[in-house]
Amino acid sequence: MGLITQILTLPFAPVRGVGWVLDQVVLTAERQYYDPAPVRKELAELEQALLDGEIDEEEFDRREDELLDRLEELEAYQQSLQARS
């Protein structure tokens, strides 16, 4: 960029800055949403609750199916990201 272009586009700098911040917020939110670690942790806690007798087998199966479906979704998302790269 030339000096004149930089001077002429200077009033738009705050807009570009806000756009960058919003991009960073979206990226961070996506990383947190698609992170498999919390789902794996919840699976482990669910199994412990079953072993401790806090939930019955039916409740365990239902919630385990939900969590395993979520893990499959996360893996599919990770694979789609790798395919784009």
N, C-alpha and C. Protein backbone atom coordinates (compact mmCIF):
# COMPACT_ATOMS: atom_id res chain seq x y z
N MET A 1 0.83 -1.18 0.00
CA MET A 1 0.00 0.00 0.00
C MET A 1 0.88 1.24 0.00
N GLY A 2 0.45 2.16 -0.79
CA GLY A 2 1.19 3.40 -0.84
C GLY A 2 0.79 4.34 0.28
N LEU A 3 1.54 5.37 0.43
CA LEU A 3 1.30 6.34 1.50
C LEU A 3 -0.04 7.03 1.31
N ILE A 4 -0.35 7.41 0.08
CA ILE A 4 -1.63 8.09 -0.17
C ILE A 4 -2.80 7.17 0.13
N THR A 5 -2.69 5.91 -0.27
CA THR A 5 -3.76 4.95 0.01
C THR A 5 -3.96 4.79 1.51
N GLN A 6 -2.87 4.72 2.24
CA GLN A 6 -2.98 4.59 3.69
C GLN A 6 -3.64 5.81 4.32
N ILE A 7 -3.31 6.98 3.82
CA ILE A 7 -3.91 8.21 4.36
C ILE A 7 -5.40 8.26 4.03
N LEU A 8 -5.75 7.87 2.80
CA LEU A 8 -7.16 7.93 2.40
C LEU A 8 -8.03 6.89 3.10
N THR A 9 -7.46 5.75 3.43
CA THR A 9 -8.24 4.69 4.09
C THR A 9 -8.13 4.73 5.61
N LEU A 10 -7.41 5.70 6.15
CA LEU A 10 -7.24 5.81 7.60
C LEU A 10 -8.57 5.91 8.35
N PRO A 11 -9.57 6.63 7.84
CA PRO A 11 -10.84 6.68 8.57
C PRO A 11 -11.51 5.32 8.72
N PHE A 12 -11.16 4.35 7.89
CA PHE A 12 -11.77 3.03 7.96
C PHE A 12 -11.02 2.08 8.90
N ALA A 13 -9.94 2.52 9.49
CA ALA A 13 -9.14 1.67 10.37
C ALA A 13 -9.96 1.10 11.53
N PRO A 14 -10.79 1.89 12.20
CA PRO A 14 -11.59 1.31 13.29
C PRO A 14 -12.52 0.20 12.82
N VAL A 15 -13.08 0.36 11.62
CA VAL A 15 -13.97 -0.67 11.08
C VAL A 15 -13.20 -1.96 10.83
N ARG A 16 -12.01 -1.84 10.25
CA ARG A 16 -11.17 -3.02 10.02
C ARG A 16 -10.78 -3.67 11.35
N GLY A 17 -10.51 -2.85 12.35
CA GLY A 17 -10.16 -3.38 13.67
C GLY A 17 -11.30 -4.14 14.31
N VAL A 18 -12.49 -3.60 14.20
CA VAL A 18 -13.67 -4.28 14.76
C VAL A 18 -13.91 -5.59 14.01
N GLY A 19 -13.73 -5.58 12.70
CA GLY A 19 -13.88 -6.81 11.91
C GLY A 19 -12.90 -7.87 12.35
N TRP A 20 -11.66 -7.47 12.60
CA TRP A 20 -10.64 -8.42 13.04
C TRP A 20 -11.01 -9.00 14.40
N VAL A 21 -11.46 -8.15 15.31
CA VAL A 21 -11.86 -8.62 16.65
C VAL A 21 -13.01 -9.60 16.55
N LEU A 22 -14.01 -9.30 15.72
CA LEU A 22 -15.13 -10.21 15.55
C LEU A 22 -14.67 -11.55 14.98
N ASP A 23 -13.75 -11.53 14.02
CA ASP A 23 -13.21 -12.77 13.47
C ASP A 23 -12.54 -13.61 14.56
N GLN A 24 -11.79 -12.94 15.44
CA GLN A 24 -11.10 -13.65 16.51
C GLN A 24 -12.09 -14.26 17.51
N VAL A 25 -13.16 -13.53 17.80
CA VAL A 25 -14.20 -14.04 18.71
C VAL A 25 -14.86 -15.27 18.11
N VAL A 26 -15.18 -15.21 16.83
CA VAL A 26 -15.82 -16.35 16.15
C VAL A 26 -14.87 -17.55 16.14
N LEU A 27 -13.60 -17.34 15.83
CA LEU A 27 -12.64 -18.45 15.82
C LEU A 27 -12.51 -19.09 17.19
N THR A 28 -12.45 -18.28 18.23
CA THR A 28 -12.35 -18.81 19.59
C THR A 28 -13.60 -19.60 19.97
N ALA A 29 -14.75 -19.07 19.62
CA ALA A 29 -16.00 -19.77 19.93
C ALA A 29 -16.08 -21.10 19.19
N GLU A 30 -15.64 -21.12 17.93
CA GLU A 30 -15.65 -22.38 17.18
C GLU A 30 -14.68 -23.39 17.78
N ARG A 31 -13.52 -22.95 18.20
CA ARG A 31 -12.55 -23.87 18.83
C ARG A 31 -13.14 -24.49 20.09
N GLN A 32 -13.80 -23.68 20.90
CA GLN A 32 -14.39 -24.19 22.13
C GLN A 32 -15.55 -25.12 21.85
N TYR A 33 -16.39 -24.78 20.88
CA TYR A 33 -17.55 -25.59 20.57
C TYR A 33 -17.15 -26.94 19.99
N TYR A 34 -16.12 -26.95 19.17
CA TYR A 34 -15.71 -28.18 18.49
C TYR A 34 -14.58 -28.91 19.21
N ASP A 35 -14.31 -28.56 20.45
CA ASP A 35 -13.26 -29.24 21.22
C ASP A 35 -13.83 -30.53 21.81
N PRO A 36 -13.22 -31.68 21.48
CA PRO A 36 -13.76 -32.95 21.98
C PRO A 36 -13.43 -33.24 23.45
N ALA A 37 -12.51 -32.52 24.05
CA ALA A 37 -12.09 -32.80 25.42
C ALA A 37 -13.25 -32.73 26.43
N PRO A 38 -14.08 -31.69 26.39
CA PRO A 38 -15.19 -31.66 27.36
C PRO A 38 -16.18 -32.82 27.18
N VAL A 39 -16.38 -33.26 25.94
CA VAL A 39 -17.30 -34.37 25.69
C VAL A 39 -16.72 -35.65 26.26
N ARG A 40 -15.42 -35.86 26.06
CA ARG A 40 -14.77 -37.05 26.62
C ARG A 40 -14.81 -37.03 28.15
N LYS A 41 -14.61 -35.85 28.72
CA LYS A 41 -14.67 -35.72 30.17
C LYS A 41 -16.07 -36.04 30.68
N GLU A 42 -17.08 -35.56 29.96
CA GLU A 42 -18.46 -35.84 30.37
C GLU A 42 -18.78 -37.33 30.26
N LEU A 43 -18.21 -37.99 29.24
CA LEU A 43 -18.39 -39.45 29.12
C LEU A 43 -17.80 -40.17 30.33
N ALA A 44 -16.61 -39.74 30.74
CA ALA A 44 -15.97 -40.36 31.90
C ALA A 44 -16.79 -40.12 33.17
N GLU A 45 -17.31 -38.89 33.32
CA GLU A 45 -18.13 -38.59 34.49
C GLU A 45 -19.43 -39.39 34.47
N LEU A 46 -19.98 -39.58 33.29
CA LEU A 46 -21.20 -40.35 33.15
C LEU A 46 -20.98 -41.81 33.57
N GLU A 47 -19.85 -42.37 33.13
CA GLU A 47 -19.53 -43.74 33.51
C GLU A 47 -19.34 -43.86 35.02
N GLN A 48 -18.69 -42.87 35.60
CA GLN A 48 -18.48 -42.88 37.05
C GLN A 48 -19.82 -42.80 37.79
N ALA A 49 -20.74 -41.97 37.26
CA ALA A 49 -22.06 -41.87 37.88
C ALA A 49 -22.79 -43.20 37.83
N LEU A 50 -22.63 -43.94 36.75
CA LEU A 50 -23.25 -45.27 36.65
C LEU A 50 -22.64 -46.21 37.67
N LEU A 51 -21.32 -46.20 37.76
CA LEU A 51 -20.64 -47.08 38.71
C LEU A 51 -20.99 -46.74 40.16
N ASP A 52 -21.20 -45.46 40.43
CA ASP A 52 -21.54 -45.03 41.79
C ASP A 52 -23.02 -45.23 42.11
N GLY A 53 -23.80 -45.63 41.12
CA GLY A 53 -25.22 -45.87 41.32
C GLY A 53 -26.06 -44.61 41.30
N GLU A 54 -25.51 -43.50 40.82
CA GLU A 54 -26.25 -42.25 40.78
C GLU A 54 -27.28 -42.23 39.65
N ILE A 55 -27.01 -43.00 38.58
CA ILE A 55 -27.96 -43.09 37.47
C ILE A 55 -28.15 -44.57 37.13
N ASP A 56 -29.26 -44.88 36.47
CA ASP A 56 -29.51 -46.27 36.10
C ASP A 56 -28.97 -46.53 34.69
N GLU A 57 -29.04 -47.78 34.29
CA GLU A 57 -28.50 -48.22 33.01
C GLU A 57 -29.20 -47.52 31.83
N GLU A 58 -30.49 -47.34 31.95
CA GLU A 58 -31.26 -46.70 30.87
C GLU A 58 -30.82 -45.25 30.65
N GLU A 59 -30.69 -44.51 31.75
CA GLU A 59 -30.22 -43.12 31.67
C GLU A 59 -28.81 -43.07 31.11
N PHE A 60 -27.96 -43.98 31.55
CA PHE A 60 -26.58 -44.03 31.05
C PHE A 60 -26.57 -44.25 29.54
N ASP A 61 -27.34 -45.23 29.06
CA ASP A 61 -27.37 -45.53 27.63
C ASP A 61 -27.85 -44.33 26.81
N ARG A 62 -28.89 -43.67 27.30
CA ARG A 62 -29.44 -42.53 26.57
C ARG A 62 -28.42 -41.40 26.46
N ARG A 63 -27.82 -41.04 27.59
CA ARG A 63 -26.85 -39.94 27.60
C ARG A 63 -25.57 -40.32 26.88
N GLU A 64 -25.17 -41.57 26.99
CA GLU A 64 -23.96 -42.02 26.29
C GLU A 64 -24.16 -41.92 24.78
N ASP A 65 -25.32 -42.32 24.30
CA ASP A 65 -25.61 -42.20 22.87
C ASP A 65 -25.54 -40.75 22.40
N GLU A 66 -26.07 -39.84 23.20
CA GLU A 66 -26.02 -38.42 22.85
C GLU A 66 -24.57 -37.93 22.77
N LEU A 67 -23.77 -38.32 23.75
CA LEU A 67 -22.37 -37.87 23.77
C LEU A 67 -21.56 -38.49 22.64
N LEU A 68 -21.82 -39.75 22.34
CA LEU A 68 -21.09 -40.40 21.24
C LEU A 68 -21.48 -39.78 19.90
N ASP A 69 -22.75 -39.41 19.75
CA ASP A 69 -23.18 -38.71 18.54
C ASP A 69 -22.46 -37.37 18.42
N ARG A 70 -22.33 -36.69 19.53
CA ARG A 70 -21.62 -35.39 19.55
C ARG A 70 -20.15 -35.59 19.16
N LEU A 71 -19.52 -36.64 19.67
CA LEU A 71 -18.13 -36.91 19.30
C LEU A 71 -17.99 -37.20 17.80
N GLU A 72 -18.93 -37.93 17.25
CA GLU A 72 -18.91 -38.20 15.80
C GLU A 72 -19.02 -36.90 15.01
N GLU A 73 -19.88 -36.00 15.49
CA GLU A 73 -20.04 -34.70 14.83
C GLU A 73 -18.73 -33.92 14.88
N LEU A 74 -18.06 -33.96 16.02
CA LEU A 74 -16.79 -33.24 16.17
C LEU A 74 -15.72 -33.82 15.25
N GLU A 75 -15.66 -35.13 15.17
CA GLU A 75 -14.68 -35.77 14.29
C GLU A 75 -14.95 -35.44 12.83
N ALA A 76 -16.22 -35.42 12.44
CA ALA A 76 -16.57 -35.07 11.06
C ALA A 76 -16.17 -33.63 10.76
N TYR A 77 -16.37 -32.74 11.73
CA TYR A 77 -15.97 -31.35 11.54
C TYR A 77 -14.45 -31.23 11.39
N GLN A 78 -13.71 -31.94 12.24
CA GLN A 78 -12.24 -31.91 12.15
C GLN A 78 -11.77 -32.43 10.80
N GLN A 79 -12.40 -33.49 10.30
CA GLN A 79 -12.02 -34.04 9.00
C GLN A 79 -12.35 -33.07 7.88
N SER A 80 -13.46 -32.35 7.99
CA SER A 80 -13.80 -31.38 6.95
C SER A 80 -12.81 -30.23 6.95
N LEU A 81 -12.32 -29.85 8.12
CA LEU A 81 -11.28 -28.81 8.19
C LEU A 81 -9.99 -29.27 7.54
N GLN A 82 -9.61 -30.51 7.79
CA GLN A 82 -8.39 -31.04 7.21
C GLN A 82 -8.51 -31.17 5.70
N ALA A 83 -9.69 -31.50 5.21
CA ALA A 83 -9.90 -31.65 3.78
C ALA A 83 -9.80 -30.30 3.07
N ARG A 84 -10.20 -29.22 3.75
CA ARG A 84 -10.11 -27.89 3.16
C ARG A 84 -8.67 -27.40 3.07
N SER A 85 -7.84 -27.86 3.98
CA SER A 85 -6.44 -27.38 4.03
C SER A 85 -5.60 -27.93 2.93
